[in-house]
Amino acid sequence: MSHINDTITALATPPGQGAIGIIRVSGPETISIVNELFKGKNLLEVASHTIHLGTIRNDQNEIIDEVLVSIFKGPHSYTKEDVIEISSHGSQYILQKVLSLLVTKGARLAKPGEFTQKAFLNGRFDLAQAEAVADLIASENASMQQTAMKQMRGGFSNEIKTLREQLVHFASMIELELDFAEEDVEFADRQGLIDLINKIQILIQSLIASFEYGNVIKNGVPTVIVGKPNAGKSTLLNALLNEEKAIVSDVAGTTRDFIEDQIYLDGIAFRFIDTAGIRETDDEVEIIGVRRTLEKMKQAGLVIYLFDLVNESIESIEEQLKGLLSSDVPFIIVGNKMDQADTFLQDRLIKENAVFISAKEKNNLEALKERLKSFIDIPTQSNVVVTNARHLQSLQQTDDALNRVIEGINMQMSNDLVAQDIRSALFHLGEITGEVTTDDLLENIFSKFCIGK
């Protein structure tokens, strides 16, 4: 029996105290296998999309559990095969016992993502939509959920298929010209092809540009809080999180390693990292902390640079600003202790578009949050957002191939070279939706799914 025709079973939801455990079975022998264990209605005779109460029993007719069995006959199921979901009491022992009984009757345990892989191979949806299933499961906020749902419902795939269909027409015309090479005929309008490629590239480049926002939706914004010792970094972290996450002390150098947590602003996760204060020190542990802080700054998506408006000198601020302004990392300058602020220092930081707060009193934090949100560049040209690095790479390779097509036409290269570059563009677009796949690619994608999906 081939791999795709195997009857597989897996625990679809993890058991917990008082929870319902769901065991999902899919494949050609699903109904007959479950029917051997189920005592209630004869599952071979019931209609699709129905639910039945009964018991699961072993070969000695001992009751293992009272269950609900939901039956979905192919092709009207998730995998387009016969599927049964067994809703059992959430005991780890009971669930493992039922799984073992299913295996003894001829099923096998599913690999990670195998249900979704079956759905893809059986034409339930394309590869990009299948990957969106994993994103939907992993979604932690509204933005992630909405983006994954749009992709799972085919928004991104439809864009790619439209681009591919437009290119296929011209590719077929040029391929036809190759068949009549000796007669020197032209079926494909070269200027029309260039105009089409320009139009396609505008959309592709828009999709490529959306990845930065997509990456933010998926992974959040690593936001490093930096400043001198006792500037109020840990107090600010606690204020933003609204909990006592970091130790606050008047003793300089209290924070020696990273403290991380996150908040959501308009559906975007900002992952705050409280770091060791930057200063010269002889303490070996603190030296390591300062070095790590500088490394974190280079890796950050955004830096909050905190100044103490009461205890720092103008010379110290000027020195720090010099290094900050020469940095490539986006940053927000924040003046802390605004309720006790030195007016001269505050006037200096106004010139750098600083935000003024009191971390201890939690004053003006909303202004800081608004500034944080202003760093998120939301795409406006397309409703589709690219969140997958694999898709980004394929789009970039498509764009490169299309550039070669235009270059080839302008240089009046032979049709076979132009056709080769068009085929390359079609290949990379096909990689996204799964029209072009390899076993290694599928293994890599679906192995990252959870068991039961």
Foldseek 3Di string as FASTA:
>chain_A
DDPLQAWAKFFQDAFDVQDKTKIKIWHACVLVLQQVFWPWDNSVPDDAQDKTWTFGAAPVRDTLFTWIKHWHDAPRDQLRHTMIMITTGRDPVSVVVVNVSSVVSRHYHDFFQVSLVSSCVVPVFFDQLSLLVQQCVVQDWDLSNVQSVCRVVPVVVVLLVVLLVVLVVQLVQLVVCVVVVVVPDHRHDLVVLLVSLVVNVVVLVLQLVLQVLLQQLRPNFAEEEAAAFPLCLQLLVCLVVVHNQDDDDPDGFPFQAWGWDWDADPNTTYIYIYFHYDDDDPDPSNVVRNVVSVVVQLVGQEYEYGGEQPPDDPVVVVVVVVVVVPDPHHYAYEYEPPVRGDVVVVVVCVVVVHHYAHSNVSGPVVVVSVVVVVPNDHRDPDPRHDNDVLLSVLSVQLSVLSVVLNVCVVVVHDSVSNSVSSVSNSQSSCVSRVVDDDPVRVCVSSNPHGRSD
